[in-house]
Amino acid sequence: MENLFMISCVVAIIYIILKYIEMKVIDKKIKPFKNVIRDGLVVFFSTLIGSFTLEQIQDLTAENLKNSANASSNVFTGSPDF
């Protein structure tokens, strides 16, 4: 879980830095930093939720594959008793 927070923080920080560079170099207008931080928080939570969801899906898939590999099917192969 700590890894998810670290990944989300790194992605949000990179987003904020790139957004600031975009405002300085491309737009040549500085927007309120409050808006950039708000967008960074949206990116942080989006990354966190997306990573968590992906991890849960991978865990469920791995668990299902493990359970299906251990399950044995009961097949009657002898002669019938009737």
PDB file of N, CA and C in Angstrom:
ATOM      1  N   MET A   1       0.817  -1.190   0.000  1.00  0.00           N
ATOM      2  CA  MET A   1       0.000   0.000   0.000  1.00  0.00           C
ATOM      3  C   MET A   1       0.867   1.263   0.000  1.00  0.00           C
ATOM      4  N   GLU A   2       2.000   1.195   0.723  1.00  0.00           N
ATOM      5  CA  GLU A   2       2.889   2.356   0.736  1.00  0.00           C
ATOM      6  C   GLU A   2       3.423   2.639  -0.654  1.00  0.00           C
ATOM      7  N   ASN A   3       3.639   1.585  -1.431  1.00  0.00           N
ATOM      8  CA  ASN A   3       4.139   1.759  -2.785  1.00  0.00           C
ATOM      9  C   ASN A   3       3.136   2.528  -3.647  1.00  0.00           C
ATOM     10  N   LEU A   4       1.848   2.286  -3.444  1.00  0.00           N
ATOM     11  CA  LEU A   4       0.828   2.997  -4.200  1.00  0.00           C
ATOM     12  C   LEU A   4       0.857   4.489  -3.899  1.00  0.00           C
ATOM     13  N   PHE A   5       1.051   4.832  -2.623  1.00  0.00           N
ATOM     14  CA  PHE A   5       1.119   6.243  -2.252  1.00  0.00           C
ATOM     15  C   PHE A   5       2.355   6.910  -2.847  1.00  0.00           C
ATOM     16  N   MET A   6       3.466   6.188  -2.863  1.00  0.00           N
ATOM     17  CA  MET A   6       4.696   6.748  -3.429  1.00  0.00           C
ATOM     18  C   MET A   6       4.538   6.984  -4.931  1.00  0.00           C
ATOM     19  N   ILE A   7       3.975   6.021  -5.618  1.00  0.00           N
ATOM     20  CA  ILE A   7       3.762   6.164  -7.060  1.00  0.00           C
ATOM     21  C   ILE A   7       2.821   7.332  -7.340  1.00  0.00           C
ATOM     22  N   SER A   8       1.749   7.437  -6.562  1.00  0.00           N
ATOM     23  CA  SER A   8       0.790   8.524  -6.755  1.00  0.00           C
ATOM     24  C   SER A   8       1.429   9.879  -6.487  1.00  0.00           C
ATOM     25  N   CYS A   9       2.249   9.963  -5.445  1.00  0.00           N
ATOM     26  CA  CYS A   9       2.938  11.224  -5.136  1.00  0.00           C
ATOM     27  C   CYS A   9       3.891  11.620  -6.252  1.00  0.00           C
ATOM     28  N   VAL A  10       4.649  10.663  -6.746  1.00  0.00           N
ATOM     29  CA  VAL A  10       5.601  10.957  -7.816  1.00  0.00           C
ATOM     30  C   VAL A  10       4.880  11.422  -9.075  1.00  0.00           C
ATOM     31  N   VAL A  11       3.812  10.748  -9.427  1.00  0.00           N
ATOM     32  CA  VAL A  11       3.049  11.133 -10.623  1.00  0.00           C
ATOM     33  C   VAL A  11       2.460  12.532 -10.452  1.00  0.00           C
ATOM     34  N   ALA A  12       1.914  12.833  -9.281  1.00  0.00           N
ATOM     35  CA  ALA A  12       1.328  14.155  -9.040  1.00  0.00           C
ATOM     36  C   ALA A  12       2.395  15.244  -9.066  1.00  0.00           C
ATOM     37  N   ILE A  13       3.555  14.986  -8.487  1.00  0.00           N
ATOM     38  CA  ILE A  13       4.636  15.983  -8.489  1.00  0.00           C
ATOM     39  C   ILE A  13       5.141  16.227  -9.906  1.00  0.00           C
ATOM     40  N   ILE A  14       5.308  15.164 -10.669  1.00  0.00           N
ATOM     41  CA  ILE A  14       5.729  15.326 -12.068  1.00  0.00           C
ATOM     42  C   ILE A  14       4.685  16.116 -12.845  1.00  0.00           C
ATOM     43  N   TYR A  15       3.414  15.848 -12.587  1.00  0.00           N
ATOM     44  CA  TYR A  15       2.344  16.593 -13.267  1.00  0.00           C
ATOM     45  C   TYR A  15       2.428  18.085 -12.926  1.00  0.00           C
ATOM     46  N   ILE A  16       2.595  18.399 -11.654  1.00  0.00           N
ATOM     47  CA  ILE A  16       2.651  19.808 -11.231  1.00  0.00           C
ATOM     48  C   ILE A  16       3.858  20.503 -11.866  1.00  0.00           C
ATOM     49  N   ILE A  17       5.005  19.828 -11.891  1.00  0.00           N
ATOM     50  CA  ILE A  17       6.196  20.428 -12.496  1.00  0.00           C
ATOM     51  C   ILE A  17       5.988  20.669 -13.989  1.00  0.00           C
ATOM     52  N   LEU A  18       5.447  19.666 -14.682  1.00  0.00           N
ATOM     53  CA  LEU A  18       5.205  19.827 -16.115  1.00  0.00           C
ATOM     54  C   LEU A  18       4.165  20.902 -16.405  1.00  0.00           C
ATOM     55  N   LYS A  19       3.159  20.991 -15.566  1.00  0.00           N
ATOM     56  CA  LYS A  19       2.135  22.025 -15.745  1.00  0.00           C
ATOM     57  C   LYS A  19       2.743  23.418 -15.551  1.00  0.00           C
ATOM     58  N   TYR A  20       3.623  23.546 -14.554  1.00  0.00           N
ATOM     59  CA  TYR A  20       4.279  24.828 -14.307  1.00  0.00           C
ATOM     60  C   TYR A  20       5.188  25.204 -15.490  1.00  0.00           C
ATOM     61  N   ILE A  21       5.936  24.232 -16.013  1.00  0.00           N
ATOM     62  CA  ILE A  21       6.793  24.492 -17.174  1.00  0.00           C
ATOM     63  C   ILE A  21       5.940  24.869 -18.383  1.00  0.00           C
ATOM     64  N   GLU A  22       4.817  24.200 -18.545  1.00  0.00           N
ATOM     65  CA  GLU A  22       3.913  24.535 -19.649  1.00  0.00           C
ATOM     66  C   GLU A  22       3.424  25.974 -19.529  1.00  0.00           C
ATOM     67  N   MET A  23       3.063  26.394 -18.329  1.00  0.00           N
ATOM     68  CA  MET A  23       2.581  27.770 -18.141  1.00  0.00           C
ATOM     69  C   MET A  23       3.690  28.779 -18.423  1.00  0.00           C
ATOM     70  N   LYS A  24       4.908  28.478 -18.011  1.00  0.00           N
ATOM     71  CA  LYS A  24       6.017  29.406 -18.192  1.00  0.00           C
ATOM     72  C   LYS A  24       6.458  29.497 -19.650  1.00  0.00           C
ATOM     73  N   VAL A  25       6.601  28.354 -20.319  1.00  0.00           N
ATOM     74  CA  VAL A  25       7.214  28.314 -21.637  1.00  0.00           C
ATOM     75  C   VAL A  25       6.187  28.444 -22.762  1.00  0.00           C
ATOM     76  N   ILE A  26       5.130  27.663 -22.700  1.00  0.00           N
ATOM     77  CA  ILE A  26       4.187  27.607 -23.823  1.00  0.00           C
ATOM     78  C   ILE A  26       3.133  28.704 -23.724  1.00  0.00           C
ATOM     79  N   ASP A  27       2.430  28.769 -22.599  1.00  0.00           N
ATOM     80  CA  ASP A  27       1.335  29.734 -22.469  1.00  0.00           C
ATOM     81  C   ASP A  27       1.824  31.151 -22.197  1.00  0.00           C
ATOM     82  N   LYS A  28       2.952  31.278 -21.548  1.00  0.00           N
ATOM     83  CA  LYS A  28       3.519  32.575 -21.152  1.00  0.00           C
ATOM     84  C   LYS A  28       2.593  33.356 -20.228  1.00  0.00           C
ATOM     85  N   LYS A  29       1.668  32.660 -19.596  1.00  0.00           N
ATOM     86  CA  LYS A  29       0.777  33.250 -18.590  1.00  0.00           C
ATOM     87  C   LYS A  29       0.839  32.374 -17.356  1.00  0.00           C
ATOM     88  N   ILE A  30       0.957  33.002 -16.219  1.00  0.00           N
ATOM     89  CA  ILE A  30       0.968  32.248 -14.969  1.00  0.00           C
ATOM     90  C   ILE A  30      -0.459  32.244 -14.422  1.00  0.00           C
ATOM     91  N   LYS A  31      -1.014  31.057 -14.343  1.00  0.00           N
ATOM     92  CA  LYS A  31      -2.348  30.902 -13.768  1.00  0.00           C
ATOM     93  C   LYS A  31      -2.202  30.806 -12.249  1.00  0.00           C
ATOM     94  N   PRO A  32      -3.280  30.971 -11.524  1.00  0.00           N
ATOM     95  CA  PRO A  32      -3.187  30.827 -10.061  1.00  0.00           C
ATOM     96  C   PRO A  32      -2.659  29.439  -9.679  1.00  0.00           C
ATOM     97  N   PHE A  33      -1.690  29.443  -8.778  1.00  0.00           N
ATOM     98  CA  PHE A  33      -1.064  28.183  -8.376  1.00  0.00           C
ATOM     99  C   PHE A  33      -2.052  27.289  -7.648  1.00  0.00           C
ATOM    100  N   LYS A  34      -3.095  27.900  -7.100  1.00  0.00           N
ATOM    101  CA  LYS A  34      -4.147  27.137  -6.418  1.00  0.00           C
ATOM    102  C   LYS A  34      -4.792  26.136  -7.385  1.00  0.00           C
ATOM    103  N   ASN A  35      -5.012  26.563  -8.616  1.00  0.00           N
ATOM    104  CA  ASN A  35      -5.619  25.679  -9.619  1.00  0.00           C
ATOM    105  C   ASN A  35      -4.684  24.526  -9.990  1.00  0.00           C
ATOM    106  N   VAL A  36      -3.387  24.821 -10.065  1.00  0.00           N
ATOM    107  CA  VAL A  36      -2.412  23.782 -10.403  1.00  0.00           C
ATOM    108  C   VAL A  36      -2.354  22.743  -9.285  1.00  0.00           C
ATOM    109  N   ILE A  37      -2.365  23.194  -8.035  1.00  0.00           N
ATOM    110  CA  ILE A  37      -2.344  22.269  -6.895  1.00  0.00           C
ATOM    111  C   ILE A  37      -3.614  21.425  -6.870  1.00  0.00           C
ATOM    112  N   ARG A  38      -4.755  22.056  -7.145  1.00  0.00           N
ATOM    113  CA  ARG A  38      -6.024  21.310  -7.182  1.00  0.00           C
ATOM    114  C   ARG A  38      -5.982  20.233  -8.260  1.00  0.00           C
ATOM    115  N   ASP A  39      -5.468  20.581  -9.447  1.00  0.00           N
ATOM    116  CA  ASP A  39      -5.331  19.585 -10.510  1.00  0.00           C
ATOM    117  C   ASP A  39      -4.349  18.487 -10.112  1.00  0.00           C
ATOM    118  N   GLY A  40      -3.287  18.857  -9.395  1.00  0.00           N
ATOM    119  CA  GLY A  40      -2.328  17.878  -8.914  1.00  0.00           C
ATOM    120  C   GLY A  40      -2.963  16.900  -7.941  1.00  0.00           C
ATOM    121  N   LEU A  41      -3.849  17.407  -7.076  1.00  0.00           N
ATOM    122  CA  LEU A  41      -4.559  16.524  -6.147  1.00  0.00           C
ATOM    123  C   LEU A  41      -5.498  15.568  -6.886  1.00  0.00           C
ATOM    124  N   VAL A  42      -6.129  16.071  -7.935  1.00  0.00           N
ATOM    125  CA  VAL A  42      -6.998  15.205  -8.746  1.00  0.00           C
ATOM    126  C   VAL A  42      -6.164  14.101  -9.399  1.00  0.00           C
ATOM    127  N   VAL A  43      -4.989  14.469  -9.900  1.00  0.00           N
ATOM    128  CA  VAL A  43      -4.098  13.480 -10.506  1.00  0.00           C
ATOM    129  C   VAL A  43      -3.638  12.473  -9.454  1.00  0.00           C
ATOM    130  N   PHE A  44      -3.307  12.946  -8.239  1.00  0.00           N
ATOM    131  CA  PHE A  44      -2.873  12.070  -7.156  1.00  0.00           C
ATOM    132  C   PHE A  44      -3.943  11.038  -6.831  1.00  0.00           C
ATOM    133  N   PHE A  45      -5.167  11.502  -6.610  1.00  0.00           N
ATOM    134  CA  PHE A  45      -6.235  10.569  -6.239  1.00  0.00           C
ATOM    135  C   PHE A  45      -6.612   9.648  -7.397  1.00  0.00           C
ATOM    136  N   SER A  46      -6.559  10.156  -8.619  1.00  0.00           N
ATOM    137  CA  SER A  46      -6.852   9.305  -9.774  1.00  0.00           C
ATOM    138  C   SER A  46      -5.826   8.193  -9.907  1.00  0.00           C
ATOM    139  N   THR A  47      -4.560   8.541  -9.725  1.00  0.00           N
ATOM    140  CA  THR A  47      -3.504   7.533  -9.792  1.00  0.00           C
ATOM    141  C   THR A  47      -3.631   6.530  -8.662  1.00  0.00           C
ATOM    142  N   LEU A  48      -3.944   7.019  -7.470  1.00  0.00           N
ATOM    143  CA  LEU A  48      -4.086   6.143  -6.316  1.00  0.00           C
ATOM    144  C   LEU A  48      -5.229   5.155  -6.510  1.00  0.00           C
ATOM    145  N   ILE A  49      -6.374   5.646  -6.936  1.00  0.00           N
ATOM    146  CA  ILE A  49      -7.537   4.781  -7.143  1.00  0.00           C
ATOM    147  C   ILE A  49      -7.295   3.805  -8.295  1.00  0.00           C
ATOM    148  N   GLY A  50      -6.696   4.297  -9.376  1.00  0.00           N
ATOM    149  CA  GLY A  50      -6.407   3.425 -10.512  1.00  0.00           C
ATOM    150  C   GLY A  50      -5.422   2.336 -10.168  1.00  0.00           C
ATOM    151  N   SER A  51      -4.364   2.672  -9.446  1.00  0.00           N
ATOM    152  CA  SER A  51      -3.360   1.675  -9.048  1.00  0.00           C
ATOM    153  C   SER A  51      -3.953   0.656  -8.081  1.00  0.00           C
ATOM    154  N   PHE A  52      -4.754   1.136  -7.137  1.00  0.00           N
ATOM    155  CA  PHE A  52      -5.382   0.236  -6.173  1.00  0.00           C
ATOM    156  C   PHE A  52      -6.326  -0.732  -6.875  1.00  0.00           C
ATOM    157  N   THR A  53      -7.129  -0.215  -7.795  1.00  0.00           N
ATOM    158  CA  THR A  53      -8.068  -1.058  -8.534  1.00  0.00           C
ATOM    159  C   THR A  53      -7.323  -2.091  -9.372  1.00  0.00           C
ATOM    160  N   LEU A  54      -6.263  -1.672 -10.043  1.00  0.00           N
ATOM    161  CA  LEU A  54      -5.483  -2.593 -10.858  1.00  0.00           C
ATOM    162  C   LEU A  54      -4.851  -3.681 -10.000  1.00  0.00           C
ATOM    163  N   GLU A  55      -4.338  -3.310  -8.830  1.00  0.00           N
ATOM    164  CA  GLU A  55      -3.743  -4.290  -7.930  1.00  0.00           C
ATOM    165  C   GLU A  55      -4.779  -5.305  -7.442  1.00  0.00           C
ATOM    166  N   GLN A  56      -5.979  -4.838  -7.120  1.00  0.00           N
ATOM    167  CA  GLN A  56      -7.026  -5.741  -6.661  1.00  0.00           C
ATOM    168  C   GLN A  56      -7.453  -6.705  -7.762  1.00  0.00           C
ATOM    169  N   ILE A  57      -7.565  -6.209  -8.983  1.00  0.00           N
ATOM    170  CA  ILE A  57      -7.949  -7.072 -10.102  1.00  0.00           C
ATOM    171  C   ILE A  57      -6.877  -8.120 -10.351  1.00  0.00           C
ATOM    172  N   GLN A  58      -5.605  -7.727 -10.275  1.00  0.00           N
ATOM    173  CA  GLN A  58      -4.523  -8.680 -10.479  1.00  0.00           C
ATOM    174  C   GLN A  58      -4.510  -9.734  -9.372  1.00  0.00           C
ATOM    175  N   ASP A  59      -4.780  -9.319  -8.129  1.00  0.00           N
ATOM    176  CA  ASP A  59      -4.830 -10.279  -7.028  1.00  0.00           C
ATOM    177  C   ASP A  59      -5.967 -11.276  -7.220  1.00  0.00           C
ATOM    178  N   LEU A  60      -7.138 -10.786  -7.638  1.00  0.00           N
ATOM    179  CA  LEU A  60      -8.268 -11.686  -7.863  1.00  0.00           C
ATOM    180  C   LEU A  60      -7.990 -12.654  -9.003  1.00  0.00           C
ATOM    181  N   THR A  61      -7.376 -12.158 -10.054  1.00  0.00           N
ATOM    182  CA  THR A  61      -7.069 -13.009 -11.195  1.00  0.00           C
ATOM    183  C   THR A  61      -6.058 -14.076 -10.809  1.00  0.00           C
ATOM    184  N   ALA A  62      -5.024 -13.686 -10.073  1.00  0.00           N
ATOM    185  CA  ALA A  62      -4.010 -14.659  -9.647  1.00  0.00           C
ATOM    186  C   ALA A  62      -4.621 -15.701  -8.709  1.00  0.00           C
ATOM    187  N   GLU A  63      -5.510 -15.258  -7.828  1.00  0.00           N
ATOM    188  CA  GLU A  63      -6.165 -16.186  -6.901  1.00  0.00           C
ATOM    189  C   GLU A  63      -7.053 -17.166  -7.652  1.00  0.00           C
ATOM    190  N   ASN A  64      -7.806 -16.683  -8.640  1.00  0.00           N
ATOM    191  CA  ASN A  64      -8.668 -17.572  -9.425  1.00  0.00           C
ATOM    192  C   ASN A  64      -7.855 -18.580 -10.205  1.00  0.00           C
ATOM    193  N   LEU A  65      -6.722 -18.158 -10.754  1.00  0.00           N
ATOM    194  CA  LEU A  65      -5.882 -19.097 -11.495  1.00  0.00           C
ATOM    195  C   LEU A  65      -5.300 -20.157 -10.568  1.00  0.00           C
ATOM    196  N   LYS A  66      -4.919 -19.740  -9.350  1.00  0.00           N
ATOM    197  CA  LYS A  66      -4.366 -20.689  -8.392  1.00  0.00           C
ATOM    198  C   LYS A  66      -5.431 -21.696  -7.967  1.00  0.00           C
ATOM    199  N   ASN A  67      -6.653 -21.199  -7.720  1.00  0.00           N
ATOM    200  CA  ASN A  67      -7.741 -22.095  -7.309  1.00  0.00           C
ATOM    201  C   ASN A  67      -8.131 -23.053  -8.423  1.00  0.00           C
ATOM    202  N   SER A  68      -8.139 -22.587  -9.649  1.00  0.00           N
ATOM    203  CA  SER A  68      -8.528 -23.469 -10.752  1.00  0.00           C
ATOM    204  C   SER A  68      -7.444 -24.505 -11.034  1.00  0.00           C
ATOM    205  N   ALA A  69      -6.193 -24.202 -10.731  1.00  0.00           N
ATOM    206  CA  ALA A  69      -5.114 -25.171 -10.937  1.00  0.00           C
ATOM    207  C   ALA A  69      -5.164 -26.263  -9.875  1.00  0.00           C
ATOM    208  N   ASN A  70      -5.605 -25.945  -8.668  1.00  0.00           N
ATOM    209  CA  ASN A  70      -5.671 -26.915  -7.584  1.00  0.00           C
ATOM    210  C   ASN A  70      -6.944 -27.754  -7.612  1.00  0.00           C
ATOM    211  N   ALA A  71      -7.954 -27.287  -8.285  1.00  0.00           N
ATOM    212  CA  ALA A  71      -9.230 -28.005  -8.309  1.00  0.00           C
ATOM    213  C   ALA A  71      -9.125 -29.219  -9.225  1.00  0.00           C
ATOM    214  N   SER A  72      -9.633 -30.331  -8.740  1.00  0.00           N
ATOM    215  CA  SER A  72      -9.641 -31.529  -9.571  1.00  0.00           C
ATOM    216  C   SER A  72     -11.089 -31.860  -9.922  1.00  0.00           C
ATOM    217  N   SER A  73     -11.276 -32.315 -11.119  1.00  0.00           N
ATOM    218  CA  SER A  73     -12.629 -32.654 -11.535  1.00  0.00           C
ATOM    219  C   SER A  73     -12.889 -34.131 -11.248  1.00  0.00           C
ATOM    220  N   ASN A  74     -14.101 -34.430 -10.812  1.00  0.00           N
ATOM    221  CA  ASN A  74     -14.495 -35.799 -10.513  1.00  0.00           C
ATOM    222  C   ASN A  74     -15.115 -36.415 -11.749  1.00  0.00           C
ATOM    223  N   VAL A  75     -14.429 -37.371 -12.320  1.00  0.00           N
ATOM    224  CA  VAL A  75     -14.885 -38.024 -13.545  1.00  0.00           C
ATOM    225  C   VAL A  75     -15.030 -39.514 -13.265  1.00  0.00           C
ATOM    226  N   PHE A  76     -16.169 -40.059 -13.597  1.00  0.00           N
ATOM    227  CA  PHE A  76     -16.401 -41.482 -13.421  1.00  0.00           C
ATOM    228  C   PHE A  76     -15.784 -42.221 -14.595  1.00  0.00           C
ATOM    229  N   THR A  77     -14.845 -43.126 -14.324  1.00  0.00           N
ATOM    230  CA  THR A  77     -14.184 -43.845 -15.407  1.00  0.00           C
ATOM    231  C   THR A  77     -14.366 -45.360 -15.330  1.00  0.00           C
ATOM    232  N   GLY A  78     -15.043 -45.851 -14.313  1.00  0.00           N
ATOM    233  CA  GLY A  78     -15.242 -47.290 -14.178  1.00  0.00           C
ATOM    234  C   GLY A  78     -16.515 -47.744 -14.854  1.00  0.00           C
ATOM    235  N   SER A  79     -16.818 -49.037 -14.710  1.00  0.00           N
ATOM    236  CA  SER A  79     -18.047 -49.557 -15.277  1.00  0.00           C
ATOM    237  C   SER A  79     -19.198 -49.219 -14.342  1.00  0.00           C
ATOM    238  N   PRO A  80     -20.399 -48.985 -14.880  1.00  0.00           N
ATOM    239  CA  PRO A  80     -21.538 -48.630 -14.041  1.00  0.00           C
ATOM    240  C   PRO A  80     -21.992 -49.803 -13.179  1.00  0.00           C
ATOM    241  N   ASP A  81     -22.544 -49.517 -12.028  1.00  0.00           N
ATOM    242  CA  ASP A  81     -22.978 -50.547 -11.074  1.00  0.00           C
ATOM    243  C   ASP A  81     -24.416 -51.003 -11.293  1.00  0.00           C
ATOM    244  N   PHE A  82     -25.083 -50.566 -12.309  1.00  0.00           N
ATOM    245  CA  PHE A  82     -26.488 -50.955 -12.461  1.00  0.00           C
ATOM    246  C   PHE A  82     -26.703 -51.981 -13.494  1.00  0.00           C
TER     247      PHE A  82
END
